[in-house]
């Protein structure tokens, strides 16, 4: 399937992103994870990332690489961490 990009409570920046609510739960994520993505990218807050990783843990899918695109409300901006370089 490729990458599953989740826009958690934020507008999708690209048409291939999947819009889910903030802090998505079982009903939001299980059907998407069943499609067999190669990796998961979370665009949202730290709480959204935690919710997705928790769901991966409970569905025993911790083998998937997880990426994170933080919003302005994330701890990365509060800690003034530099953005990742684009590859």
PDB file of N, CA and C in Angstrom:
ATOM      1  N   UNK A   1       0.809  -1.192   0.000  1.00  0.00           N
ATOM      2  CA  UNK A   1       0.000   0.000   0.000  1.00  0.00           C
ATOM      3  C   UNK A   1       0.852   1.255   0.000  1.00  0.00           C
ATOM      4  N   UNK A   2       2.001   1.246   0.611  1.00  0.00           N
ATOM      5  CA  UNK A   2       2.812   2.449   0.729  1.00  0.00           C
ATOM      6  C   UNK A   2       2.566   3.126   2.058  1.00  0.00           C
ATOM      7  N   UNK A   3       2.775   4.441   2.079  1.00  0.00           N
ATOM      8  CA  UNK A   3       2.632   5.208   3.313  1.00  0.00           C
ATOM      9  C   UNK A   3       1.177   5.577   3.566  1.00  0.00           C
ATOM     10  N   UNK A   4       0.799   5.511   4.820  1.00  0.00           N
ATOM     11  CA  UNK A   4      -0.504   5.984   5.273  1.00  0.00           C
ATOM     12  C   UNK A   4      -0.248   7.296   6.003  1.00  0.00           C
ATOM     13  N   UNK A   5      -0.691   8.402   5.419  1.00  0.00           N
ATOM     14  CA  UNK A   5      -0.489   9.717   6.026  1.00  0.00           C
ATOM     15  C   UNK A   5      -1.810  10.147   6.649  1.00  0.00           C
ATOM     16  N   UNK A   6      -1.781  10.351   7.952  1.00  0.00           N
ATOM     17  CA  UNK A   6      -2.976  10.697   8.713  1.00  0.00           C
ATOM     18  C   UNK A   6      -2.963  12.177   9.078  1.00  0.00           C
ATOM     19  N   UNK A   7      -3.961  12.910   8.618  1.00  0.00           N
ATOM     20  CA  UNK A   7      -4.137  14.310   9.008  1.00  0.00           C
ATOM     21  C   UNK A   7      -5.098  14.317  10.194  1.00  0.00           C
ATOM     22  N   UNK A   8      -4.552  14.419  11.381  1.00  0.00           N
ATOM     23  CA  UNK A   8      -5.345  14.294  12.615  1.00  0.00           C
ATOM     24  C   UNK A   8      -5.888  15.644  13.061  1.00  0.00           C
ATOM     25  N   UNK A   9      -7.136  15.907  12.711  1.00  0.00           N
ATOM     26  CA  UNK A   9      -7.762  17.161  13.112  1.00  0.00           C
ATOM     27  C   UNK A   9      -7.217  18.375  12.404  1.00  0.00           C
ATOM     28  N   UNK A  10      -6.465  18.179  11.337  1.00  0.00           N
ATOM     29  CA  UNK A  10      -5.934  19.281  10.534  1.00  0.00           C
ATOM     30  C   UNK A  10      -6.350  19.052   9.086  1.00  0.00           C
ATOM     31  N   UNK A  11      -6.403  20.106   8.277  1.00  0.00           N
ATOM     32  CA  UNK A  11      -6.750  19.908   6.871  1.00  0.00           C
ATOM     33  C   UNK A  11      -5.660  19.109   6.163  1.00  0.00           C
ATOM     34  N   UNK A  12      -6.060  18.284   5.234  1.00  0.00           N
ATOM     35  CA  UNK A  12      -5.100  17.500   4.455  1.00  0.00           C
ATOM     36  C   UNK A  12      -4.367  18.423   3.498  1.00  0.00           C
ATOM     37  N   UNK A  13      -3.040  18.388   3.539  1.00  0.00           N
ATOM     38  CA  UNK A  13      -2.240  19.232   2.657  1.00  0.00           C
ATOM     39  C   UNK A  13      -2.135  18.653   1.250  1.00  0.00           C
ATOM     40  N   UNK A  14      -2.395  17.361   1.138  1.00  0.00           N
ATOM     41  CA  UNK A  14      -2.322  16.682  -0.160  1.00  0.00           C
ATOM     42  C   UNK A  14      -3.535  15.774  -0.303  1.00  0.00           C
ATOM     43  N   UNK A  15      -3.911  15.468  -1.523  1.00  0.00           N
ATOM     44  CA  UNK A  15      -5.111  14.635  -1.716  1.00  0.00           C
ATOM     45  C   UNK A  15      -4.961  13.195  -1.235  1.00  0.00           C
ATOM     46  N   UNK A  16      -3.735  12.694  -1.114  1.00  0.00           N
ATOM     47  CA  UNK A  16      -3.559  11.311  -0.669  1.00  0.00           C
ATOM     48  C   UNK A  16      -3.506  11.167   0.851  1.00  0.00           C
ATOM     49  N   UNK A  17      -3.605  12.271   1.585  1.00  0.00           N
ATOM     50  CA  UNK A  17      -3.654  12.204   3.048  1.00  0.00           C
ATOM     51  C   UNK A  17      -5.052  11.786   3.484  1.00  0.00           C
ATOM     52  N   UNK A  18      -5.128  11.028   4.570  1.00  0.00           N
ATOM     53  CA  UNK A  18      -6.411  10.582   5.115  1.00  0.00           C
ATOM     54  C   UNK A  18      -6.750  11.454   6.323  1.00  0.00           C
ATOM     55  N   UNK A  19      -7.903  12.108   6.277  1.00  0.00           N
ATOM     56  CA  UNK A  19      -8.326  12.973   7.373  1.00  0.00           C
ATOM     57  C   UNK A  19      -9.018  12.125   8.436  1.00  0.00           C
ATOM     58  N   UNK A  20      -8.522  12.225   9.659  1.00  0.00           N
ATOM     59  CA  UNK A  20      -9.116  11.543  10.817  1.00  0.00           C
ATOM     60  C   UNK A  20      -9.289  12.589  11.916  1.00  0.00           C
ATOM     61  N   UNK A  21     -10.127  12.309  12.911  1.00  0.00           N
ATOM     62  CA  UNK A  21     -10.306  13.297  13.991  1.00  0.00           C
ATOM     63  C   UNK A  21      -9.065  13.399  14.883  1.00  0.00           C
ATOM     64  N   UNK A  22      -9.037  14.445  15.686  1.00  0.00           N
ATOM     65  CA  UNK A  22      -7.969  14.565  16.679  1.00  0.00           C
ATOM     66  C   UNK A  22      -7.992  13.347  17.588  1.00  0.00           C
ATOM     67  N   UNK A  23      -6.815  12.895  17.995  1.00  0.00           N
ATOM     68  CA  UNK A  23      -6.660  11.714  18.856  1.00  0.00           C
ATOM     69  C   UNK A  23      -7.527  10.552  18.341  1.00  0.00           C
ATOM     70  N   UNK A  24      -7.235  10.075  17.131  1.00  0.00           N
ATOM     71  CA  UNK A  24      -8.054   9.018  16.533  1.00  0.00           C
ATOM     72  C   UNK A  24      -8.030   7.750  17.375  1.00  0.00           C
ATOM     73  N   UNK A  25      -9.127   7.020  17.322  1.00  0.00           N
ATOM     74  CA  UNK A  25      -9.272   5.802  18.105  1.00  0.00           C
ATOM     75  C   UNK A  25      -9.389   4.567  17.243  1.00  0.00           C
ATOM     76  N   UNK A  26      -9.860   3.510  17.864  1.00  0.00           N
ATOM     77  CA  UNK A  26      -9.987   2.209  17.221  1.00  0.00           C
ATOM     78  C   UNK A  26     -10.802   2.275  15.936  1.00  0.00           C
ATOM     79  N   UNK A  27     -11.989   2.860  16.008  1.00  0.00           N
ATOM     80  CA  UNK A  27     -12.879   2.907  14.844  1.00  0.00           C
ATOM     81  C   UNK A  27     -12.282   3.707  13.694  1.00  0.00           C
ATOM     82  N   UNK A  28     -11.450   4.686  14.017  1.00  0.00           N
ATOM     83  CA  UNK A  28     -10.828   5.518  12.986  1.00  0.00           C
ATOM     84  C   UNK A  28      -9.631   4.830  12.342  1.00  0.00           C
ATOM     85  N   UNK A  29      -8.845   4.113  13.138  1.00  0.00           N
ATOM     86  CA  UNK A  29      -7.566   3.607  12.660  1.00  0.00           C
ATOM     87  C   UNK A  29      -7.561   2.150  12.203  1.00  0.00           C
ATOM     88  N   UNK A  30      -8.326   1.287  12.867  1.00  0.00           N
ATOM     89  CA  UNK A  30      -8.257  -0.139  12.529  1.00  0.00           C
ATOM     90  C   UNK A  30      -8.545  -0.443  11.062  1.00  0.00           C
ATOM     91  N   UNK A  31      -9.564   0.162  10.434  1.00  0.00           N
ATOM     92  CA  UNK A  31      -9.782  -0.123   9.008  1.00  0.00           C
ATOM     93  C   UNK A  31      -8.614   0.340   8.129  1.00  0.00           C
ATOM     94  N   UNK A  32      -7.991   1.442   8.503  1.00  0.00           N
ATOM     95  CA  UNK A  32      -6.866   1.956   7.720  1.00  0.00           C
ATOM     96  C   UNK A  32      -5.635   1.081   7.881  1.00  0.00           C
ATOM     97  N   UNK A  33      -5.397   0.603   9.102  1.00  0.00           N
ATOM     98  CA  UNK A  33      -4.246  -0.265   9.350  1.00  0.00           C
ATOM     99  C   UNK A  33      -4.436  -1.641   8.726  1.00  0.00           C
ATOM    100  N   UNK A  34      -5.683  -2.073   8.580  1.00  0.00           N
ATOM    101  CA  UNK A  34      -5.966  -3.376   7.974  1.00  0.00           C
ATOM    102  C   UNK A  34      -5.582  -3.401   6.499  1.00  0.00           C
ATOM    103  N   UNK A  35      -5.474  -2.230   5.872  1.00  0.00           N
ATOM    104  CA  UNK A  35      -5.099  -2.158   4.463  1.00  0.00           C
ATOM    105  C   UNK A  35      -3.623  -2.491   4.247  1.00  0.00           C
ATOM    106  N   UNK A  36      -2.855  -2.580   5.323  1.00  0.00           N
ATOM    107  CA  UNK A  36      -1.460  -3.001   5.240  1.00  0.00           C
ATOM    108  C   UNK A  36      -0.478  -1.952   4.763  1.00  0.00           C
ATOM    109  N   UNK A  37      -0.463  -0.768   5.395  1.00  0.00           N
ATOM    110  CA  UNK A  37       0.517   0.245   4.981  1.00  0.00           C
ATOM    111  C   UNK A  37       1.944  -0.190   5.330  1.00  0.00           C
ATOM    112  N   UNK A  38       2.918   0.360   4.560  1.00  0.00           N
ATOM    113  CA  UNK A  38       4.337   0.090   4.830  1.00  0.00           C
ATOM    114  C   UNK A  38       4.872   0.957   5.961  1.00  0.00           C
ATOM    115  N   UNK A  39       4.250   2.112   6.143  1.00  0.00           N
ATOM    116  CA  UNK A  39       4.653   3.050   7.192  1.00  0.00           C
ATOM    117  C   UNK A  39       3.489   3.990   7.457  1.00  0.00           C
ATOM    118  N   UNK A  40       3.553   4.675   8.586  1.00  0.00           N
ATOM    119  CA  UNK A  40       2.494   5.594   8.997  1.00  0.00           C
ATOM    120  C   UNK A  40       3.132   6.949   9.293  1.00  0.00           C
ATOM    121  N   UNK A  41       2.505   8.006   8.804  1.00  0.00           N
ATOM    122  CA  UNK A  41       2.955   9.367   9.099  1.00  0.00           C
ATOM    123  C   UNK A  41       1.787  10.087   9.757  1.00  0.00           C
ATOM    124  N   UNK A  42       2.060  10.714  10.893  1.00  0.00           N
ATOM    125  CA  UNK A  42       1.027  11.414  11.654  1.00  0.00           C
ATOM    126  C   UNK A  42       1.266  12.910  11.539  1.00  0.00           C
ATOM    127  N   UNK A  43       0.283  13.635  10.990  1.00  0.00           N
ATOM    128  CA  UNK A  43       0.322  15.096  10.958  1.00  0.00           C
ATOM    129  C   UNK A  43      -0.680  15.572  12.000  1.00  0.00           C
ATOM    130  N   UNK A  44      -0.177  16.177  13.058  1.00  0.00           N
ATOM    131  CA  UNK A  44      -1.055  16.614  14.135  1.00  0.00           C
ATOM    132  C   UNK A  44      -0.276  16.976  15.376  1.00  0.00           C
ATOM    133  N   UNK A  45      -0.920  16.840  16.508  1.00  0.00           N
ATOM    134  CA  UNK A  45      -0.296  17.194  17.789  1.00  0.00           C
ATOM    135  C   UNK A  45       0.405  15.993  18.397  1.00  0.00           C
ATOM    136  N   UNK A  46       1.073  16.243  19.501  1.00  0.00           N
ATOM    137  CA  UNK A  46       1.740  15.164  20.231  1.00  0.00           C
ATOM    138  C   UNK A  46       0.718  14.126  20.710  1.00  0.00           C
ATOM    139  N   UNK A  47      -0.459  14.580  21.124  1.00  0.00           N
ATOM    140  CA  UNK A  47      -1.516  13.664  21.578  1.00  0.00           C
ATOM    141  C   UNK A  47      -2.011  12.789  20.429  1.00  0.00           C
ATOM    142  N   UNK A  48      -2.062  13.335  19.212  1.00  0.00           N
ATOM    143  CA  UNK A  48      -2.448  12.540  18.041  1.00  0.00           C
ATOM    144  C   UNK A  48      -1.417  11.456  17.772  1.00  0.00           C
ATOM    145  N   UNK A  49      -0.155  11.830  17.838  1.00  0.00           N
ATOM    146  CA  UNK A  49       0.917  10.844  17.651  1.00  0.00           C
ATOM    147  C   UNK A  49       0.821   9.739  18.694  1.00  0.00           C
ATOM    148  N   UNK A  50       0.597  10.118  19.944  1.00  0.00           N
ATOM    149  CA  UNK A  50       0.479   9.127  21.019  1.00  0.00           C
ATOM    150  C   UNK A  50      -0.707   8.195  20.786  1.00  0.00           C
ATOM    151  N   UNK A  51      -1.824   8.737  20.314  1.00  0.00           N
ATOM    152  CA  UNK A  51      -3.006   7.906  20.057  1.00  0.00           C
ATOM    153  C   UNK A  51      -2.744   6.899  18.949  1.00  0.00           C
ATOM    154  N   UNK A  52      -2.054   7.316  17.894  1.00  0.00           N
ATOM    155  CA  UNK A  52      -1.753   6.405  16.787  1.00  0.00           C
ATOM    156  C   UNK A  52      -0.772   5.325  17.232  1.00  0.00           C
ATOM    157  N   UNK A  53       0.265   5.713  17.954  1.00  0.00           N
ATOM    158  CA  UNK A  53       1.239   4.722  18.419  1.00  0.00           C
ATOM    159  C   UNK A  53       0.593   3.748  19.401  1.00  0.00           C
ATOM    160  N   UNK A  54      -0.284   4.233  20.252  1.00  0.00           N
ATOM    161  CA  UNK A  54      -1.007   3.340  21.162  1.00  0.00           C
ATOM    162  C   UNK A  54      -1.836   2.327  20.379  1.00  0.00           C
ATOM    163  N   UNK A  55      -2.477   2.774  19.306  1.00  0.00           N
ATOM    164  CA  UNK A  55      -3.277   1.846  18.490  1.00  0.00           C
ATOM    165  C   UNK A  55      -2.376   0.833  17.793  1.00  0.00           C
ATOM    166  N   UNK A  56      -1.211   1.259  17.333  1.00  0.00           N
ATOM    167  CA  UNK A  56      -0.255   0.326  16.741  1.00  0.00           C
ATOM    168  C   UNK A  56       0.192  -0.711  17.766  1.00  0.00           C
ATOM    169  N   UNK A  57       0.399  -0.274  18.993  1.00  0.00           N
ATOM    170  CA  UNK A  57       0.779  -1.195  20.066  1.00  0.00           C
ATOM    171  C   UNK A  57      -0.323  -2.222  20.310  1.00  0.00           C
ATOM    172  N   UNK A  58      -1.545  -1.762  20.414  1.00  0.00           N
ATOM    173  CA  UNK A  58      -2.658  -2.673  20.726  1.00  0.00           C
ATOM    174  C   UNK A  58      -2.993  -3.616  19.576  1.00  0.00           C
ATOM    175  N   UNK A  59      -2.678  -3.236  18.348  1.00  0.00           N
ATOM    176  CA  UNK A  59      -2.924  -4.122  17.209  1.00  0.00           C
ATOM    177  C   UNK A  59      -1.662  -4.893  16.817  1.00  0.00           C
ATOM    178  N   UNK A  60      -0.629  -4.793  17.656  1.00  0.00           N
ATOM    179  CA  UNK A  60       0.643  -5.485  17.435  1.00  0.00           C
ATOM    180  C   UNK A  60       1.241  -5.148  16.078  1.00  0.00           C
ATOM    181  N   UNK A  61       1.259  -3.850  15.759  1.00  0.00           N
ATOM    182  CA  UNK A  61       1.818  -3.369  14.498  1.00  0.00           C
ATOM    183  C   UNK A  61       2.998  -2.429  14.744  1.00  0.00           C
ATOM    184  N   UNK A  62       3.752  -2.671  15.813  1.00  0.00           N
ATOM    185  CA  UNK A  62       4.900  -1.820  16.104  1.00  0.00           C
ATOM    186  C   UNK A  62       6.056  -2.035  15.135  1.00  0.00           C
ATOM    187  N   UNK A  63       5.875  -2.927  14.169  1.00  0.00           N
ATOM    188  CA  UNK A  63       6.890  -3.138  13.144  1.00  0.00           C
ATOM    189  C   UNK A  63       6.871  -2.019  12.092  1.00  0.00           C
ATOM    190  N   UNK A  64       5.818  -1.211  12.085  1.00  0.00           N
ATOM    191  CA  UNK A  64       5.697  -0.134  11.106  1.00  0.00           C
ATOM    192  C   UNK A  64       6.532   1.082  11.510  1.00  0.00           C
ATOM    193  N   UNK A  65       7.305   1.623  10.574  1.00  0.00           N
ATOM    194  CA  UNK A  65       7.966   2.901  10.854  1.00  0.00           C
ATOM    195  C   UNK A  65       6.910   3.998  10.987  1.00  0.00           C
ATOM    196  N   UNK A  66       7.152   4.934  11.913  1.00  0.00           N
ATOM    197  CA  UNK A  66       6.200   6.021  12.158  1.00  0.00           C
ATOM    198  C   UNK A  66       6.923   7.350  11.989  1.00  0.00           C
ATOM    199  N   UNK A  67       6.321   8.218  11.170  1.00  0.00           N
ATOM    200  CA  UNK A  67       6.835   9.571  10.992  1.00  0.00           C
ATOM    201  C   UNK A  67       5.904  10.555  11.676  1.00  0.00           C
ATOM    202  N   UNK A  68       6.394  11.770  11.891  1.00  0.00           N
ATOM    203  CA  UNK A  68       5.615  12.760  12.625  1.00  0.00           C
ATOM    204  C   UNK A  68       5.804  14.127  11.995  1.00  0.00           C
ATOM    205  N   UNK A  69       4.695  14.774  11.640  1.00  0.00           N
ATOM    206  CA  UNK A  69       4.690  16.145  11.137  1.00  0.00           C
ATOM    207  C   UNK A  69       3.958  16.975  12.191  1.00  0.00           C
ATOM    208  N   UNK A  70       4.694  17.636  13.085  1.00  0.00           N
ATOM    209  CA  UNK A  70       4.048  18.346  14.192  1.00  0.00           C
ATOM    210  C   UNK A  70       3.341  19.614  13.744  1.00  0.00           C
ATOM    211  N   UNK A  71       2.268  19.939  14.452  1.00  0.00           N
ATOM    212  CA  UNK A  71       1.573  21.208  14.233  1.00  0.00           C
ATOM    213  C   UNK A  71       2.190  22.246  15.157  1.00  0.00           C
ATOM    214  N   UNK A  72       1.685  23.458  15.068  1.00  0.00           N
ATOM    215  CA  UNK A  72       2.222  24.538  15.908  1.00  0.00           C
ATOM    216  C   UNK A  72       1.945  24.323  17.390  1.00  0.00           C
ATOM    217  N   UNK A  73       0.984  23.449  17.716  1.00  0.00           N
ATOM    218  CA  UNK A  73       0.647  23.210  19.122  1.00  0.00           C
ATOM    219  C   UNK A  73       1.451  22.056  19.713  1.00  0.00           C
ATOM    220  N   UNK A  74       2.511  21.651  19.074  1.00  0.00           N
ATOM    221  CA  UNK A  74       3.243  20.484  19.552  1.00  0.00           C
ATOM    222  C   UNK A  74       4.383  20.879  20.492  1.00  0.00           C
ATOM    223  N   UNK A  75       4.868  19.907  21.206  1.00  0.00           N
ATOM    224  CA  UNK A  75       5.984  20.139  22.120  1.00  0.00           C
ATOM    225  C   UNK A  75       7.252  20.497  21.360  1.00  0.00           C
ATOM    226  N   UNK A  76       7.358  20.067  20.106  1.00  0.00           N
ATOM    227  CA  UNK A  76       8.559  20.394  19.338  1.00  0.00           C
ATOM    228  C   UNK A  76       8.698  21.897  19.152  1.00  0.00           C
ATOM    229  N   UNK A  77       7.586  22.601  18.980  1.00  0.00           N
ATOM    230  CA  UNK A  77       7.677  24.055  18.862  1.00  0.00           C
ATOM    231  C   UNK A  77       7.873  24.705  20.236  1.00  0.00           C
ATOM    232  N   UNK A  78       7.281  24.128  21.260  1.00  0.00           N
ATOM    233  CA  UNK A  78       7.472  24.678  22.608  1.00  0.00           C
ATOM    234  C   UNK A  78       8.927  24.555  23.060  1.00  0.00           C
ATOM    235  N   UNK A  79       9.586  23.464  22.631  1.00  0.00           N
ATOM    236  CA  UNK A  79      10.986  23.245  22.993  1.00  0.00           C
ATOM    237  C   UNK A  79      11.945  23.889  22.008  1.00  0.00           C
ATOM    238  N   UNK A  80      11.381  24.519  20.977  1.00  0.00           N
ATOM    239  CA  UNK A  80      12.153  25.193  19.936  1.00  0.00           C
ATOM    240  C   UNK A  80      13.124  24.250  19.232  1.00  0.00           C
ATOM    241  N   UNK A  81      12.651  23.048  18.952  1.00  0.00           N
ATOM    242  CA  UNK A  81      13.471  22.092  18.204  1.00  0.00           C
ATOM    243  C   UNK A  81      13.468  22.477  16.733  1.00  0.00           C
ATOM    244  N   UNK A  82      14.611  22.337  16.058  1.00  0.00           N
ATOM    245  CA  UNK A  82      14.642  22.706  14.645  1.00  0.00           C
ATOM    246  C   UNK A  82      13.846  21.705  13.810  1.00  0.00           C
ATOM    247  N   UNK A  83      13.280  22.176  12.707  1.00  0.00           N
ATOM    248  CA  UNK A  83      12.549  21.252  11.833  1.00  0.00           C
ATOM    249  C   UNK A  83      13.515  20.266  11.166  1.00  0.00           C
ATOM    250  N   UNK A  84      12.988  19.110  10.816  1.00  0.00           N
ATOM    251  CA  UNK A  84      13.803  18.122  10.121  1.00  0.00           C
ATOM    252  C   UNK A  84      14.119  18.631   8.726  1.00  0.00           C
ATOM    253  N   UNK A  85      15.283  18.237   8.219  1.00  0.00           N
ATOM    254  CA  UNK A  85      15.653  18.635   6.865  1.00  0.00           C
ATOM    255  C   UNK A  85      14.849  17.827   5.868  1.00  0.00           C
ATOM    256  N   UNK A  86      14.491  18.471   4.794  1.00  0.00           N
ATOM    257  CA  UNK A  86      13.771  17.766   3.727  1.00  0.00           C
ATOM    258  C   UNK A  86      14.781  16.945   2.937  1.00  0.00           C
ATOM    259  N   UNK A  87      14.365  15.753   2.596  1.00  0.00           N
ATOM    260  CA  UNK A  87      15.250  14.869   1.841  1.00  0.00           C
ATOM    261  C   UNK A  87      14.852  14.892   0.394  1.00  0.00           C
TER     262      UNK A  87
END
